[in-house]
């Protein structure tokens, strides 16, 4: 019984640590990219510096419709933080974030017509916020 209570305590501590708040991502033009082609990722605090180095590098294009930059963002999550991404299920997606100091990254790629849109938002220190991803 004591082991069971210890396990429950550990699970509760982990679950409260892993979920500190919620953010809502609005993608009004998600339908333009095809169902299943929108990915939302949350950069864990421990990877903030690596992530900042990626998108502040000279070879990272700042145009939000640059396909190479979108692929670099997706590559970061594939190589560094694999469990950080979720497939968007429509124009509105609420997701859990581990802390107030994270980046929310949205990448939409339609491989059929080459249309691309990406967005990086650093949360402003509060939960319950809304991130809007719209075409430039």
Protein backbone atom coordinates (compact mmCIF):
# COMPACT_ATOMS: atom_id res chain seq x y z
CA UNK A 1 0.00 0.00 0.00
CA UNK A 2 2.85 2.36 0.83
CA UNK A 3 4.42 1.77 -2.62
CA UNK A 4 1.08 2.45 -4.28
CA UNK A 5 0.70 5.77 -2.47
CA UNK A 6 4.27 6.73 -3.37
CA UNK A 7 3.59 5.90 -7.01
CA UNK A 8 0.37 7.94 -7.00
CA UNK A 9 2.25 10.87 -5.42
CA UNK A 10 4.95 10.66 -8.09
CA UNK A 11 2.40 10.52 -10.90
CA UNK A 12 0.60 13.54 -9.49
CA UNK A 13 3.87 15.47 -9.22
CA UNK A 14 4.80 14.57 -12.79
CA UNK A 15 1.40 15.45 -14.21
CA UNK A 16 1.32 18.83 -12.49
CA UNK A 17 4.87 19.52 -13.62
CA UNK A 18 4.14 18.55 -17.22
CA UNK A 19 0.99 20.64 -17.48
CA UNK A 20 1.13 24.10 -16.04
CA UNK A 21 -1.33 25.89 -18.28
CA UNK A 22 -3.24 26.06 -21.52
CA UNK A 23 -2.84 28.12 -24.68
CA UNK A 24 -5.27 28.31 -27.60
CA UNK A 25 -3.92 28.43 -31.14
CA UNK A 26 -6.17 29.97 -33.80
CA UNK A 27 -5.41 29.15 -37.44
CA UNK A 28 -8.16 30.83 -39.47
CA UNK A 29 -6.70 29.64 -42.78
CA UNK A 30 -5.91 26.06 -41.72
CA UNK A 31 -8.37 24.68 -44.26
CA UNK A 32 -6.27 26.17 -47.07
CA UNK A 33 -3.46 23.74 -46.25
CA UNK A 34 -5.46 20.53 -46.19
CA UNK A 35 -6.56 18.43 -43.24
CA UNK A 36 -3.65 17.03 -41.26
CA UNK A 37 -1.04 19.40 -42.65
CA UNK A 38 -0.89 21.70 -39.60
CA UNK A 39 1.50 20.93 -36.76
CA UNK A 40 1.69 22.79 -33.46
CA UNK A 41 4.81 22.36 -31.32
CA UNK A 42 5.79 23.63 -27.88
CA UNK A 43 9.50 24.21 -27.27
CA UNK A 44 10.39 22.95 -23.81
CA UNK A 45 12.25 25.53 -21.71
CA UNK A 46 15.37 23.39 -21.64
CA UNK A 47 15.66 23.78 -25.44
CA UNK A 48 14.96 27.53 -25.65
CA UNK A 49 18.59 28.48 -26.34
CA UNK A 50 19.02 25.89 -29.08
CA UNK A 51 15.74 26.95 -30.62
CA UNK A 52 16.64 30.65 -30.52
CA UNK A 53 19.95 29.87 -32.22
CA UNK A 54 18.03 28.14 -35.00
CA UNK A 55 15.59 30.91 -35.86
CA UNK A 56 18.07 33.75 -35.33
CA UNK A 57 20.69 32.22 -37.63
CA UNK A 58 21.61 34.08 -40.82
CA UNK A 59 20.33 31.28 -43.03
CA UNK A 60 16.84 31.32 -41.49
CA UNK A 61 14.45 33.34 -43.66
CA UNK A 62 12.02 35.47 -41.71
CA UNK A 63 9.25 35.35 -44.32
CA UNK A 64 6.49 33.29 -42.74
CA UNK A 65 5.78 31.55 -46.02
CA UNK A 66 9.37 30.35 -46.60
CA UNK A 67 9.32 26.59 -47.04
CA UNK A 68 13.01 26.10 -46.12
CA UNK A 69 12.47 27.82 -42.78
CA UNK A 70 9.37 25.70 -42.14
CA UNK A 71 11.39 22.55 -42.83
CA UNK A 72 14.16 23.75 -40.49
CA UNK A 73 11.59 24.22 -37.74
CA UNK A 74 10.19 20.73 -38.30
CA UNK A 75 13.75 19.35 -38.38
CA UNK A 76 14.45 20.89 -34.97
CA UNK A 77 11.56 18.99 -33.42
CA UNK A 78 12.48 15.79 -35.22
CA UNK A 79 16.10 15.97 -34.02
CA UNK A 80 15.87 17.68 -30.63
CA UNK A 81 12.41 17.60 -29.07
CA UNK A 82 10.47 14.75 -30.69
CA UNK A 83 7.51 14.59 -28.31
CA UNK A 84 6.71 18.30 -28.51
CA UNK A 85 4.38 18.38 -31.53
CA UNK A 86 0.68 17.82 -32.05
CA UNK A 87 -1.35 17.63 -35.21
CA UNK A 88 -3.84 20.48 -35.35
CA UNK A 89 -7.38 19.26 -35.67
CA UNK A 90 -8.87 22.36 -37.27
CA UNK A 91 -8.86 26.12 -37.01
CA UNK A 92 -8.80 26.15 -33.20
CA UNK A 93 -6.60 23.99 -31.00
CA UNK A 94 -6.11 24.22 -27.25
CA UNK A 95 -2.99 22.64 -25.87
CA UNK A 96 -1.23 22.20 -22.60
CA UNK A 97 2.03 24.01 -22.02
CA UNK A 98 4.57 23.09 -19.33
CA UNK A 99 5.43 26.64 -18.24
CA UNK A 100 5.01 30.29 -19.06
CA UNK A 101 8.40 30.56 -20.75
CA UNK A 102 7.94 28.49 -23.89
CA UNK A 103 7.70 29.05 -27.62
CA UNK A 104 4.62 27.89 -29.49
CA UNK A 105 5.46 27.00 -33.09
CA UNK A 106 2.92 26.34 -35.81
CA UNK A 107 3.88 24.93 -39.20
CA UNK A 108 1.44 24.39 -42.07
CA UNK A 109 2.70 22.77 -45.26
CA UNK A 110 0.62 21.65 -48.20
CA UNK A 111 2.97 19.41 -50.16
CA UNK A 112 0.58 19.22 -53.13
CA UNK A 113 0.68 22.92 -53.97
CA UNK A 114 3.82 23.97 -52.07
CA UNK A 115 1.92 26.43 -49.87
CA UNK A 116 3.67 27.04 -46.54
CA UNK A 117 3.01 29.09 -43.41
CA UNK A 118 4.90 29.05 -40.12
CA UNK A 119 4.66 31.06 -36.93
CA UNK A 120 6.74 31.37 -33.75
CA UNK A 121 5.22 32.95 -30.64
CA UNK A 122 6.90 33.22 -27.26
CA UNK A 123 4.30 33.18 -24.51
CA UNK A 124 4.21 36.44 -22.61
CA UNK A 125 4.40 34.94 -19.16
CA UNK A 126 0.74 34.16 -18.77
CA UNK A 127 -1.53 31.21 -19.34
CA UNK A 128 -4.87 31.22 -21.03
CA UNK A 129 -3.42 33.20 -23.92
CA UNK A 130 -4.31 33.00 -27.59
CA UNK A 131 -1.82 32.61 -30.42
CA UNK A 132 -3.17 33.59 -33.84
CA UNK A 133 -1.51 32.21 -36.95
CA UNK A 134 -2.62 34.07 -40.04
CA UNK A 135 -1.25 34.50 -43.53
CA UNK A 136 0.95 37.56 -44.11
